[in-house]
Amino acid sequence: MYLGLVVAGLLAGCAAPSDNATTTPEAKETGKVMAVATGNLIADPNIVEFRANSGTSDVWNKLADKNNGLGDVGSSKVSAFEDEGSVRIRFVASSDDFSAMPGLSQQVNGLQANTDYTLSLYVEDKKGAASPTSVVVGATDATGKELVEQTFHVASMTNAPQADRKSFRQVAVEFNSGSNTTATIFAKLKIDDASAISGDIGKETEIRVDAFSLTKK
């Protein structure tokens, strides 16, 4: 069974294209998150600089090694919202190690100790309910200890809030910072069923992520 608990997008601090907007009545009626609360701690949350720099970044760390079969992380012009840019995560060859979990992470500073936070982002997986992939979202402390980790499959996102590009759906996790004032947040690709992958490996494993947010509850 897939772990697919999608936290409602109207929770305080959910991801969106602007740090200074508020959720509209229309958004509440349609389930589409059109804006976000202030206080997002993520740098380059909408992947604009990552895209402009052709997939290189001073704030985003790519967790992949394409040359050694451990996945590929790059930029895409496709975007959840109007600002061009998202992160494409995939494998590229049948000889790749599908047990690897390529993705990206960012060390976030400025957390308050013993405080509840919501981490959210938008995920595009166009492979449908039979997709062999999931996305793993979470955070660790400075020692690498897990603060939260949740696996989401596209089949669980049917009723999740949509971005402007409707194929992007929002997922979110919550955690308490404990004694920490820094955390590393991440989003990773997970292969659930390698036996279902054949043909165009890139197309059959690809997901995109965009519009990150980390805010106090």
N, C-alpha and C. Protein backbone atom coordinates (compact mmCIF):
# COMPACT_ATOMS: atom_id res chain seq x y z
N MET A 1 0.84 -1.20 0.00
CA MET A 1 0.00 0.00 0.00
C MET A 1 0.87 1.24 0.00
N TYR A 2 0.46 2.23 -0.72
CA TYR A 2 1.23 3.46 -0.74
C TYR A 2 0.87 4.30 0.46
N LEU A 3 1.87 4.96 1.02
CA LEU A 3 1.61 5.94 2.06
C LEU A 3 1.22 7.21 1.37
N GLY A 4 -0.03 7.58 1.43
CA GLY A 4 -0.46 8.67 0.59
C GLY A 4 -1.24 9.73 1.30
N LEU A 5 -0.90 10.08 2.49
CA LEU A 5 -1.64 11.08 3.26
C LEU A 5 -1.31 12.45 2.75
N VAL A 6 -2.23 13.06 2.03
CA VAL A 6 -2.00 14.40 1.50
C VAL A 6 -2.64 15.40 2.45
N VAL A 7 -1.85 16.25 3.02
CA VAL A 7 -2.35 17.24 3.96
C VAL A 7 -3.05 18.33 3.19
N ALA A 8 -4.21 18.75 3.61
CA ALA A 8 -5.00 19.73 2.87
C ALA A 8 -4.22 21.00 2.62
N GLY A 9 -4.34 21.51 1.41
CA GLY A 9 -3.56 22.66 0.98
C GLY A 9 -3.94 23.95 1.67
N LEU A 10 -5.06 23.95 2.41
CA LEU A 10 -5.45 25.18 3.07
C LEU A 10 -4.90 25.29 4.46
N LEU A 11 -4.05 24.36 4.88
CA LEU A 11 -3.34 24.52 6.14
C LEU A 11 -2.49 25.76 6.08
N ALA A 12 -2.30 26.38 7.22
CA ALA A 12 -1.45 27.57 7.24
C ALA A 12 -0.06 27.21 6.78
N GLY A 13 0.47 28.04 5.89
CA GLY A 13 1.84 27.85 5.45
C GLY A 13 2.01 26.95 4.26
N CYS A 14 0.97 26.60 3.54
CA CYS A 14 1.13 25.72 2.40
C CYS A 14 1.78 26.44 1.24
N ALA A 15 2.36 25.66 0.33
CA ALA A 15 3.17 26.24 -0.74
C ALA A 15 2.33 26.99 -1.75
N ALA A 16 2.97 27.98 -2.40
CA ALA A 16 2.31 28.74 -3.43
C ALA A 16 3.29 29.66 -4.11
N PRO A 17 2.86 30.41 -5.12
CA PRO A 17 3.82 31.13 -5.91
C PRO A 17 4.36 32.41 -5.29
N SER A 18 3.75 32.91 -4.26
CA SER A 18 4.19 34.17 -3.69
C SER A 18 4.23 34.07 -2.19
N ASP A 19 5.20 34.73 -1.57
CA ASP A 19 5.31 34.70 -0.13
C ASP A 19 4.36 35.67 0.56
N ASN A 20 3.69 36.54 -0.17
CA ASN A 20 2.96 37.62 0.45
C ASN A 20 1.47 37.62 0.14
N ALA A 21 0.97 36.58 -0.52
CA ALA A 21 -0.43 36.55 -0.90
C ALA A 21 -1.25 35.83 0.15
N THR A 22 -2.57 35.88 -0.01
CA THR A 22 -3.47 35.20 0.88
C THR A 22 -4.42 34.33 0.07
N THR A 23 -4.97 33.29 0.70
CA THR A 23 -5.86 32.39 -0.01
C THR A 23 -7.20 33.07 -0.25
N THR A 24 -7.72 32.99 -1.46
CA THR A 24 -8.96 33.65 -1.84
C THR A 24 -10.15 32.74 -1.58
N PRO A 25 -11.38 33.32 -1.45
CA PRO A 25 -12.58 32.48 -1.32
C PRO A 25 -12.72 31.50 -2.47
N GLU A 26 -12.35 31.94 -3.70
CA GLU A 26 -12.42 31.05 -4.86
C GLU A 26 -11.55 29.84 -4.67
N ALA A 27 -10.36 30.04 -4.10
CA ALA A 27 -9.46 28.92 -3.87
C ALA A 27 -10.06 27.93 -2.90
N LYS A 28 -10.74 28.44 -1.87
CA LYS A 28 -11.35 27.55 -0.89
C LYS A 28 -12.45 26.71 -1.52
N GLU A 29 -13.19 27.29 -2.46
CA GLU A 29 -14.28 26.57 -3.09
C GLU A 29 -13.78 25.51 -4.07
N THR A 30 -12.70 25.80 -4.77
CA THR A 30 -12.23 24.88 -5.81
C THR A 30 -11.19 23.90 -5.32
N GLY A 31 -10.63 24.14 -4.14
CA GLY A 31 -9.56 23.30 -3.64
C GLY A 31 -8.23 23.64 -4.26
N LYS A 32 -8.15 24.74 -4.99
CA LYS A 32 -6.92 25.16 -5.65
C LYS A 32 -6.22 26.21 -4.81
N VAL A 33 -5.01 25.93 -4.38
CA VAL A 33 -4.26 26.90 -3.61
C VAL A 33 -3.70 27.95 -4.55
N MET A 34 -4.11 29.18 -4.36
CA MET A 34 -3.70 30.24 -5.27
C MET A 34 -2.69 31.18 -4.62
N ALA A 35 -2.43 30.98 -3.34
CA ALA A 35 -1.54 31.90 -2.65
C ALA A 35 -1.05 31.25 -1.36
N VAL A 36 -0.24 31.98 -0.61
CA VAL A 36 0.44 31.38 0.53
C VAL A 36 0.62 32.40 1.65
N ALA A 37 0.74 31.89 2.87
CA ALA A 37 1.02 32.76 4.01
C ALA A 37 2.45 33.28 3.93
N THR A 38 2.69 34.34 4.67
CA THR A 38 4.03 34.90 4.70
C THR A 38 4.97 34.01 5.50
N GLY A 39 6.27 34.27 5.39
CA GLY A 39 7.24 33.60 6.25
C GLY A 39 7.87 32.36 5.67
N ASN A 40 7.86 32.18 4.36
CA ASN A 40 8.47 31.01 3.76
C ASN A 40 9.99 31.04 3.97
N LEU A 41 10.54 29.98 4.54
CA LEU A 41 11.97 29.92 4.85
C LEU A 41 12.80 29.32 3.73
N ILE A 42 12.17 28.82 2.67
CA ILE A 42 12.89 28.19 1.58
C ILE A 42 13.47 29.25 0.65
N ALA A 43 14.74 29.09 0.29
CA ALA A 43 15.36 29.96 -0.70
C ALA A 43 15.08 29.41 -2.10
N ASP A 44 14.86 30.30 -3.06
CA ASP A 44 14.50 29.93 -4.43
C ASP A 44 13.37 28.89 -4.43
N PRO A 45 12.26 29.18 -3.76
CA PRO A 45 11.20 28.18 -3.61
C PRO A 45 10.52 27.78 -4.90
N ASN A 46 10.47 28.70 -5.86
CA ASN A 46 9.81 28.42 -7.13
C ASN A 46 10.78 28.00 -8.23
N ILE A 47 12.02 27.68 -7.85
CA ILE A 47 13.01 27.08 -8.73
C ILE A 47 13.37 27.99 -9.91
N VAL A 48 13.19 29.27 -9.74
CA VAL A 48 13.47 30.22 -10.82
C VAL A 48 14.98 30.34 -11.06
N GLU A 49 15.75 30.52 -9.99
CA GLU A 49 17.20 30.65 -10.14
C GLU A 49 17.82 29.34 -10.59
N PHE A 50 17.33 28.24 -10.06
CA PHE A 50 17.79 26.91 -10.47
C PHE A 50 17.62 26.73 -11.97
N ARG A 51 16.47 27.14 -12.48
CA ARG A 51 16.20 27.04 -13.92
C ARG A 51 17.09 27.99 -14.71
N ALA A 52 17.21 29.24 -14.24
CA ALA A 52 18.00 30.24 -14.95
C ALA A 52 19.47 29.84 -15.04
N ASN A 53 19.94 29.08 -14.04
CA ASN A 53 21.33 28.63 -14.01
C ASN A 53 21.50 27.22 -14.55
N SER A 54 20.53 26.77 -15.34
CA SER A 54 20.60 25.46 -16.01
C SER A 54 20.80 24.30 -15.05
N GLY A 55 20.12 24.39 -13.91
CA GLY A 55 20.15 23.28 -12.97
C GLY A 55 21.28 23.31 -11.97
N THR A 56 21.95 24.43 -11.84
CA THR A 56 22.95 24.59 -10.78
C THR A 56 22.42 25.61 -9.78
N SER A 57 22.86 25.47 -8.52
CA SER A 57 22.28 26.32 -7.49
C SER A 57 23.21 26.43 -6.30
N ASP A 58 23.18 27.59 -5.66
CA ASP A 58 23.92 27.78 -4.41
C ASP A 58 23.12 27.31 -3.20
N VAL A 59 21.83 27.08 -3.38
CA VAL A 59 20.98 26.72 -2.24
C VAL A 59 20.40 25.32 -2.36
N TRP A 60 20.17 24.85 -3.58
CA TRP A 60 19.63 23.50 -3.77
C TRP A 60 20.76 22.52 -4.03
N ASN A 61 20.74 21.41 -3.31
CA ASN A 61 21.74 20.36 -3.46
C ASN A 61 21.11 19.19 -4.21
N LYS A 62 21.69 18.82 -5.33
CA LYS A 62 21.17 17.71 -6.13
C LYS A 62 21.68 16.38 -5.57
N LEU A 63 20.75 15.48 -5.30
CA LEU A 63 21.06 14.17 -4.74
C LEU A 63 20.97 13.14 -5.87
N ALA A 64 21.97 13.10 -6.71
CA ALA A 64 21.94 12.22 -7.87
C ALA A 64 23.34 12.06 -8.43
N ASP A 65 23.52 10.99 -9.21
CA ASP A 65 24.79 10.75 -9.91
C ASP A 65 24.45 10.03 -11.21
N LYS A 66 24.13 10.80 -12.22
CA LYS A 66 23.69 10.25 -13.50
C LYS A 66 24.72 9.33 -14.11
N ASN A 67 25.98 9.69 -14.01
CA ASN A 67 27.05 8.91 -14.65
C ASN A 67 27.25 7.54 -14.03
N ASN A 68 26.82 7.39 -12.78
CA ASN A 68 26.96 6.11 -12.09
C ASN A 68 25.62 5.44 -11.84
N GLY A 69 24.61 5.82 -12.62
CA GLY A 69 23.33 5.13 -12.58
C GLY A 69 22.47 5.42 -11.38
N LEU A 70 22.72 6.56 -10.70
CA LEU A 70 22.00 6.86 -9.47
C LEU A 70 20.98 7.98 -9.65
N GLY A 71 20.51 8.13 -10.87
CA GLY A 71 19.44 9.08 -11.12
C GLY A 71 19.94 10.41 -11.67
N ASP A 72 18.99 11.16 -12.21
CA ASP A 72 19.28 12.43 -12.86
C ASP A 72 18.37 13.50 -12.30
N VAL A 73 18.95 14.62 -11.89
CA VAL A 73 18.19 15.77 -11.39
C VAL A 73 18.58 16.98 -12.24
N GLY A 74 17.59 17.60 -12.86
CA GLY A 74 17.87 18.75 -13.71
C GLY A 74 16.73 19.74 -13.70
N SER A 75 16.89 20.80 -14.48
CA SER A 75 15.86 21.83 -14.53
C SER A 75 14.90 21.58 -15.68
N SER A 76 13.69 22.08 -15.51
CA SER A 76 12.66 22.00 -16.54
C SER A 76 12.00 23.36 -16.66
N LYS A 77 11.60 23.74 -17.86
CA LYS A 77 10.90 25.01 -18.04
C LYS A 77 9.46 24.94 -17.58
N VAL A 78 8.93 23.72 -17.47
CA VAL A 78 7.57 23.53 -16.97
C VAL A 78 7.50 24.05 -15.54
N SER A 79 6.41 24.70 -15.20
CA SER A 79 6.28 25.30 -13.88
C SER A 79 4.89 25.07 -13.31
N ALA A 80 4.82 24.91 -11.99
CA ALA A 80 3.53 24.78 -11.33
C ALA A 80 2.73 26.08 -11.43
N PHE A 81 3.43 27.20 -11.31
CA PHE A 81 2.82 28.51 -11.39
C PHE A 81 3.49 29.31 -12.49
N GLU A 82 3.36 30.62 -12.48
CA GLU A 82 3.75 31.41 -13.64
C GLU A 82 5.25 31.58 -13.80
N ASP A 83 6.02 31.50 -12.72
CA ASP A 83 7.47 31.67 -12.82
C ASP A 83 8.10 30.43 -13.43
N GLU A 84 8.81 30.58 -14.54
CA GLU A 84 9.36 29.43 -15.25
C GLU A 84 10.37 28.67 -14.40
N GLY A 85 10.20 27.36 -14.31
CA GLY A 85 11.18 26.53 -13.63
C GLY A 85 10.57 25.52 -12.68
N SER A 86 11.03 24.29 -12.79
CA SER A 86 10.75 23.23 -11.82
C SER A 86 11.94 22.27 -11.87
N VAL A 87 11.95 21.32 -10.97
CA VAL A 87 13.03 20.34 -10.92
C VAL A 87 12.53 19.01 -11.48
N ARG A 88 13.24 18.49 -12.47
CA ARG A 88 12.91 17.19 -13.07
C ARG A 88 13.78 16.13 -12.42
N ILE A 89 13.15 15.07 -11.92
CA ILE A 89 13.87 13.97 -11.27
C ILE A 89 13.49 12.69 -12.02
N ARG A 90 14.50 11.89 -12.38
CA ARG A 90 14.23 10.69 -13.18
C ARG A 90 15.44 9.77 -13.19
N PHE A 91 15.24 8.58 -13.75
CA PHE A 91 16.33 7.71 -14.17
C PHE A 91 16.41 7.78 -15.68
N VAL A 92 17.54 7.34 -16.24
CA VAL A 92 17.72 7.52 -17.68
C VAL A 92 18.08 6.24 -18.44
N ALA A 93 18.41 5.17 -17.74
CA ALA A 93 18.84 3.95 -18.43
C ALA A 93 18.34 2.71 -17.69
N SER A 94 18.11 1.64 -18.44
CA SER A 94 17.64 0.40 -17.83
C SER A 94 18.66 -0.21 -16.89
N SER A 95 19.92 0.17 -17.04
CA SER A 95 20.99 -0.33 -16.17
C SER A 95 21.14 0.48 -14.88
N ASP A 96 20.35 1.54 -14.73
CA ASP A 96 20.43 2.36 -13.52
C ASP A 96 20.02 1.55 -12.29
N ASP A 97 20.47 2.02 -11.14
CA ASP A 97 20.13 1.39 -9.87
C ASP A 97 18.80 1.98 -9.38
N PHE A 98 17.71 1.26 -9.61
CA PHE A 98 16.40 1.77 -9.27
C PHE A 98 16.12 1.76 -7.77
N SER A 99 17.05 1.23 -6.99
CA SER A 99 16.89 1.33 -5.53
C SER A 99 17.40 2.67 -5.00
N ALA A 100 18.12 3.41 -5.84
CA ALA A 100 18.59 4.75 -5.46
C ALA A 100 17.39 5.68 -5.37
N MET A 101 17.56 6.78 -4.66
CA MET A 101 16.48 7.75 -4.50
C MET A 101 17.01 9.15 -4.83
N PRO A 102 17.08 9.47 -6.12
CA PRO A 102 17.56 10.79 -6.52
C PRO A 102 16.57 11.88 -6.11
N GLY A 103 17.09 13.08 -5.92
CA GLY A 103 16.21 14.19 -5.54
C GLY A 103 17.02 15.44 -5.28
N LEU A 104 16.49 16.28 -4.43
CA LEU A 104 17.20 17.50 -4.06
C LEU A 104 16.88 17.85 -2.62
N SER A 105 17.79 18.65 -2.04
CA SER A 105 17.63 19.05 -0.65
C SER A 105 18.09 20.48 -0.49
N GLN A 106 17.73 21.06 0.64
CA GLN A 106 18.17 22.41 0.98
C GLN A 106 18.29 22.53 2.50
N GLN A 107 19.40 23.07 2.95
CA GLN A 107 19.55 23.38 4.37
C GLN A 107 18.85 24.71 4.65
N VAL A 108 17.94 24.68 5.60
CA VAL A 108 17.14 25.86 5.92
C VAL A 108 17.52 26.35 7.31
N ASN A 109 17.86 27.62 7.39
CA ASN A 109 18.21 28.24 8.67
C ASN A 109 17.06 29.10 9.17
N GLY A 110 17.17 29.51 10.41
CA GLY A 110 16.19 30.45 10.96
C GLY A 110 14.96 29.82 11.55
N LEU A 111 14.99 28.50 11.78
CA LEU A 111 13.87 27.87 12.47
C LEU A 111 13.86 28.28 13.94
N GLN A 112 12.70 28.27 14.55
CA GLN A 112 12.58 28.47 15.98
C GLN A 112 12.49 27.12 16.67
N ALA A 113 13.19 26.97 17.75
CA ALA A 113 13.19 25.70 18.48
C ALA A 113 11.79 25.39 19.00
N ASN A 114 11.49 24.09 19.08
CA ASN A 114 10.23 23.60 19.66
C ASN A 114 9.01 24.26 19.01
N THR A 115 9.05 24.31 17.69
CA THR A 115 7.99 24.98 16.92
C THR A 115 7.49 24.03 15.83
N ASP A 116 6.19 24.07 15.59
CA ASP A 116 5.60 23.24 14.54
C ASP A 116 5.71 23.94 13.18
N TYR A 117 6.11 23.16 12.18
CA TYR A 117 6.29 23.68 10.82
C TYR A 117 5.53 22.82 9.82
N THR A 118 5.15 23.45 8.71
CA THR A 118 4.56 22.74 7.57
C THR A 118 5.47 22.89 6.37
N LEU A 119 5.88 21.77 5.80
CA LEU A 119 6.67 21.73 4.57
C LEU A 119 5.75 21.25 3.46
N SER A 120 5.66 22.03 2.38
CA SER A 120 4.81 21.63 1.28
C SER A 120 5.49 21.91 -0.05
N LEU A 121 5.02 21.26 -1.08
CA LEU A 121 5.51 21.45 -2.44
C LEU A 121 4.49 20.90 -3.41
N TYR A 122 4.70 21.19 -4.68
CA TYR A 122 3.82 20.67 -5.72
C TYR A 122 4.57 19.63 -6.55
N VAL A 123 3.88 18.54 -6.86
CA VAL A 123 4.46 17.40 -7.55
C VAL A 123 3.68 17.14 -8.84
N GLU A 124 4.40 16.93 -9.92
CA GLU A 124 3.78 16.50 -11.17
C GLU A 124 4.24 15.09 -11.50
N ASP A 125 3.29 14.17 -11.58
CA ASP A 125 3.54 12.80 -12.04
C ASP A 125 2.41 12.49 -13.01
N LYS A 126 2.73 12.50 -14.30
CA LYS A 126 1.71 12.36 -15.35
C LYS A 126 1.49 10.91 -15.76
N LYS A 127 1.99 9.97 -14.95
CA LYS A 127 1.91 8.55 -15.31
C LYS A 127 0.63 7.89 -14.81
N GLY A 128 -0.18 8.61 -14.08
CA GLY A 128 -1.48 8.09 -13.67
C GLY A 128 -1.42 7.17 -12.46
N ALA A 129 -2.57 6.58 -12.15
CA ALA A 129 -2.70 5.78 -10.93
C ALA A 129 -1.80 4.55 -10.92
N ALA A 130 -1.39 4.07 -12.10
CA ALA A 130 -0.51 2.90 -12.17
C ALA A 130 0.97 3.30 -12.19
N SER A 131 1.27 4.54 -11.89
CA SER A 131 2.65 5.00 -11.90
C SER A 131 3.54 4.13 -11.02
N PRO A 132 4.72 3.75 -11.50
CA PRO A 132 5.64 2.94 -10.70
C PRO A 132 6.50 3.78 -9.75
N THR A 133 6.20 5.08 -9.65
CA THR A 133 7.03 5.96 -8.84
C THR A 133 6.21 6.69 -7.79
N SER A 134 6.92 7.12 -6.74
CA SER A 134 6.35 7.98 -5.71
C SER A 134 7.35 9.09 -5.42
N VAL A 135 6.94 10.06 -4.62
CA VAL A 135 7.84 11.10 -4.14
C VAL A 135 7.91 11.00 -2.62
N VAL A 136 9.13 11.10 -2.10
CA VAL A 136 9.36 11.05 -0.66
C VAL A 136 9.74 12.45 -0.20
N VAL A 137 9.01 12.98 0.75
CA VAL A 137 9.20 14.35 1.24
C VAL A 137 9.52 14.31 2.72
N GLY A 138 10.50 15.12 3.15
CA GLY A 138 10.81 15.09 4.56
C GLY A 138 11.83 16.13 4.98
N ALA A 139 12.29 15.97 6.22
CA ALA A 139 13.28 16.88 6.79
C ALA A 139 14.12 16.13 7.81
N THR A 140 15.39 16.53 7.93
CA THR A 140 16.29 15.97 8.93
C THR A 140 16.94 17.11 9.70
N ASP A 141 17.47 16.78 10.88
CA ASP A 141 18.17 17.81 11.65
C ASP A 141 19.64 17.85 11.24
N ALA A 142 20.43 18.64 11.95
CA ALA A 142 21.83 18.86 11.57
C ALA A 142 22.67 17.59 11.65
N THR A 143 22.22 16.60 12.42
CA THR A 143 22.96 15.34 12.56
C THR A 143 22.47 14.29 11.57
N GLY A 144 21.45 14.63 10.79
CA GLY A 144 20.88 13.67 9.85
C GLY A 144 19.71 12.88 10.41
N LYS A 145 19.32 13.16 11.64
CA LYS A 145 18.20 12.46 12.26
C LYS A 145 16.89 12.92 11.62
N GLU A 146 16.04 11.97 11.33
CA GLU A 146 14.77 12.27 10.68
C GLU A 146 13.84 13.07 11.58
N LEU A 147 13.33 14.17 11.05
CA LEU A 147 12.28 14.93 11.72
C LEU A 147 10.91 14.54 11.20
N VAL A 148 10.85 14.25 9.91
CA VAL A 148 9.62 13.77 9.29
C VAL A 148 9.97 13.18 7.94
N GLU A 149 9.22 12.18 7.51
CA GLU A 149 9.35 11.63 6.17
C GLU A 149 8.03 11.01 5.77
N GLN A 150 7.56 11.32 4.57
CA GLN A 150 6.28 10.80 4.09
C GLN A 150 6.39 10.48 2.61
N THR A 151 5.82 9.35 2.21
CA THR A 151 5.81 8.94 0.82
C THR A 151 4.44 9.21 0.21
N PHE A 152 4.42 9.83 -0.98
CA PHE A 152 3.18 10.18 -1.66
C PHE A 152 3.17 9.56 -3.06
N HIS A 153 2.06 8.96 -3.41
CA HIS A 153 1.86 8.42 -4.75
C HIS A 153 0.78 9.23 -5.46
N VAL A 154 0.90 9.36 -6.77
CA VAL A 154 -0.04 10.19 -7.51
C VAL A 154 -1.48 9.73 -7.33
N ALA A 155 -1.68 8.45 -7.08
CA ALA A 155 -3.05 7.95 -6.89
C ALA A 155 -3.71 8.55 -5.65
N SER A 156 -2.89 9.00 -4.70
CA SER A 156 -3.44 9.60 -3.47
C SER A 156 -3.67 11.09 -3.61
N MET A 157 -3.31 11.67 -4.76
CA MET A 157 -3.36 13.12 -4.92
C MET A 157 -4.59 13.61 -5.68
N THR A 158 -5.56 12.73 -5.92
CA THR A 158 -6.71 13.09 -6.73
C THR A 158 -7.42 14.33 -6.22
N ASN A 159 -7.57 14.44 -4.92
CA ASN A 159 -8.29 15.57 -4.34
C ASN A 159 -7.37 16.63 -3.75
N ALA A 160 -6.08 16.52 -4.03
CA ALA A 160 -5.12 17.49 -3.52
C ALA A 160 -5.24 18.81 -4.30
N PRO A 161 -4.88 19.92 -3.67
CA PRO A 161 -4.94 21.21 -4.37
C PRO A 161 -4.08 21.23 -5.62
N GLN A 162 -4.58 21.89 -6.66
CA GLN A 162 -3.88 22.01 -7.93
C GLN A 162 -3.11 23.32 -8.00
N ALA A 163 -2.05 23.32 -8.80
CA ALA A 163 -1.37 24.55 -9.15
C ALA A 163 -2.04 25.16 -10.39
N ASP A 164 -1.47 26.25 -10.90
CA ASP A 164 -1.98 26.80 -12.16
C ASP A 164 -1.90 25.76 -13.27
N ARG A 165 -0.79 25.06 -13.35
CA ARG A 165 -0.67 23.90 -14.24
C ARG A 165 -1.28 22.72 -13.48
N LYS A 166 -2.43 22.26 -13.92
CA LYS A 166 -3.26 21.38 -13.10
C LYS A 166 -2.65 20.01 -12.84
N SER A 167 -1.65 19.63 -13.62
CA SER A 167 -1.01 18.34 -13.39
C SER A 167 -0.11 18.36 -12.15
N PHE A 168 0.18 19.54 -11.63
CA PHE A 168 0.91 19.66 -10.36
C PHE A 168 -0.08 19.64 -9.20
N ARG A 169 0.18 18.75 -8.23
CA ARG A 169 -0.67 18.64 -7.04
C ARG A 169 0.17 18.85 -5.79
N GLN A 170 -0.47 19.42 -4.79
CA GLN A 170 0.25 19.78 -3.58
C GLN A 170 0.29 18.63 -2.56
N VAL A 171 1.45 18.44 -1.96
CA VAL A 171 1.60 17.52 -0.85
C VAL A 171 2.26 18.28 0.30
N ALA A 172 2.06 17.83 1.53
CA ALA A 172 2.61 18.54 2.68
C ALA A 172 2.83 17.59 3.84
N VAL A 173 3.82 17.92 4.64
CA VAL A 173 4.11 17.19 5.87
C VAL A 173 4.29 18.20 6.99
N GLU A 174 4.12 17.75 8.23
CA GLU A 174 4.28 18.61 9.38
C GLU A 174 5.29 18.00 10.35
N PHE A 175 6.04 18.86 11.03
CA PHE A 175 7.01 18.37 12.01
C PHE A 175 7.27 19.44 13.05
N ASN A 176 7.81 19.01 14.17
CA ASN A 176 8.25 19.94 15.22
C ASN A 176 9.76 20.04 15.17
N SER A 177 10.27 21.24 15.29
CA SER A 177 11.71 21.47 15.17
C SER A 177 12.52 20.94 16.35
N GLY A 178 11.86 20.65 17.48
CA GLY A 178 12.60 20.20 18.65
C GLY A 178 13.60 21.27 19.09
N SER A 179 14.80 20.86 19.33
CA SER A 179 15.84 21.81 19.76
C SER A 179 16.56 22.46 18.58
N ASN A 180 16.13 22.17 17.37
CA ASN A 180 16.86 22.59 16.17
C ASN A 180 16.47 23.98 15.68
N THR A 181 17.46 24.71 15.19
CA THR A 181 17.21 25.98 14.52
C THR A 181 17.57 25.89 13.03
N THR A 182 18.04 24.73 12.59
CA THR A 182 18.27 24.45 11.18
C THR A 182 17.69 23.08 10.86
N ALA A 183 17.37 22.87 9.60
CA ALA A 183 16.90 21.58 9.14
C ALA A 183 17.22 21.46 7.66
N THR A 184 17.35 20.24 7.18
CA THR A 184 17.52 19.99 5.76
C THR A 184 16.25 19.36 5.23
N ILE A 185 15.61 20.05 4.29
CA ILE A 185 14.38 19.53 3.69
C ILE A 185 14.74 18.83 2.39
N PHE A 186 13.92 17.87 1.97
CA PHE A 186 14.23 17.12 0.76
C PHE A 186 12.97 16.63 0.06
N ALA A 187 13.14 16.35 -1.23
CA ALA A 187 12.13 15.66 -2.03
C ALA A 187 12.88 14.68 -2.92
N LYS A 188 12.48 13.41 -2.88
CA LYS A 188 13.20 12.37 -3.59
C LYS A 188 12.24 11.50 -4.40
N LEU A 189 12.74 10.99 -5.50
CA LEU A 189 12.01 10.04 -6.33
C LEU A 189 12.23 8.63 -5.78
N LYS A 190 11.14 7.88 -5.66
CA LYS A 190 11.22 6.49 -5.20
C LYS A 190 10.57 5.59 -6.25
N ILE A 191 11.28 4.55 -6.65
CA ILE A 191 10.72 3.56 -7.57
C ILE A 191 10.00 2.50 -6.74
N ASP A 192 8.69 2.38 -6.96
CA ASP A 192 7.89 1.41 -6.22
C ASP A 192 7.89 0.04 -6.89
N ASP A 193 7.93 0.04 -8.22
CA ASP A 193 7.85 -1.22 -8.96
C ASP A 193 8.76 -1.16 -10.17
N ALA A 194 10.00 -1.61 -10.01
CA ALA A 194 10.97 -1.56 -11.11
C ALA A 194 10.55 -2.47 -12.26
N SER A 195 9.79 -3.51 -11.98
CA SER A 195 9.39 -4.44 -13.04
C SER A 195 8.42 -3.80 -14.03
N ALA A 196 7.82 -2.68 -13.65
CA ALA A 196 6.87 -2.00 -14.53
C ALA A 196 7.55 -1.00 -15.45
N ILE A 197 8.87 -0.87 -15.34
CA ILE A 197 9.60 0.11 -16.13
C ILE A 197 10.28 -0.56 -17.31
N SER A 198 9.99 -0.08 -18.51
CA SER A 198 10.62 -0.58 -19.72
C SER A 198 10.48 0.48 -20.79
N GLY A 199 11.17 0.33 -21.89
CA GLY A 199 11.03 1.31 -22.96
C GLY A 199 11.76 2.60 -22.65
N ASP A 200 11.04 3.71 -22.67
CA ASP A 200 11.62 5.02 -22.42
C ASP A 200 11.77 5.22 -20.91
N ILE A 201 12.96 4.94 -20.39
CA ILE A 201 13.18 4.96 -18.95
C ILE A 201 12.94 6.35 -18.38
N GLY A 202 13.41 7.37 -19.06
CA GLY A 202 13.22 8.73 -18.57
C GLY A 202 11.75 9.07 -18.43
N LYS A 203 10.98 8.81 -19.45
CA LYS A 203 9.56 9.13 -19.44
C LYS A 203 8.81 8.33 -18.40
N GLU A 204 9.19 7.07 -18.20
CA GLU A 204 8.45 6.19 -17.30
C GLU A 204 8.83 6.36 -15.84
N THR A 205 9.86 7.15 -15.56
CA THR A 205 10.26 7.38 -14.17
C THR A 205 10.17 8.84 -13.74
N GLU A 206 9.95 9.72 -14.66
CA GLU A 206 10.08 11.16 -14.39
C GLU A 206 8.96 11.73 -13.53
N ILE A 207 9.37 12.57 -12.57
CA ILE A 207 8.45 13.43 -11.85
C ILE A 207 9.06 14.84 -11.84
N ARG A 208 8.24 15.85 -11.56
CA ARG A 208 8.73 17.21 -11.37
C ARG A 208 8.23 17.74 -10.03
N VAL A 209 9.03 18.61 -9.41
CA VAL A 209 8.64 19.23 -8.15
C VAL A 209 8.88 20.74 -8.25
N ASP A 210 8.06 21.50 -7.54
CA ASP A 210 8.10 22.95 -7.66
C ASP A 210 7.37 23.57 -6.47
N ALA A 211 7.49 24.89 -6.32
CA ALA A 211 6.72 25.70 -5.36
C ALA A 211 6.82 25.15 -3.94
N PHE A 212 8.04 25.16 -3.41
CA PHE A 212 8.29 24.69 -2.05
C PHE A 212 7.91 25.76 -1.03
N SER A 213 7.51 25.32 0.15
CA SER A 213 7.27 26.26 1.24
C SER A 213 7.56 25.58 2.57
N LEU A 214 8.18 26.32 3.47
CA LEU A 214 8.38 25.88 4.85
C LEU A 214 8.00 27.04 5.74
N THR A 215 6.92 26.88 6.48
CA THR A 215 6.40 27.95 7.32
C THR A 215 5.96 27.41 8.67
N LYS A 216 5.90 28.30 9.64
CA LYS A 216 5.34 27.94 10.94
C LYS A 216 3.84 27.67 10.80
N LYS A 217 3.36 26.71 11.56
CA LYS A 217 1.92 26.45 11.58
C LYS A 217 1.18 27.58 12.26
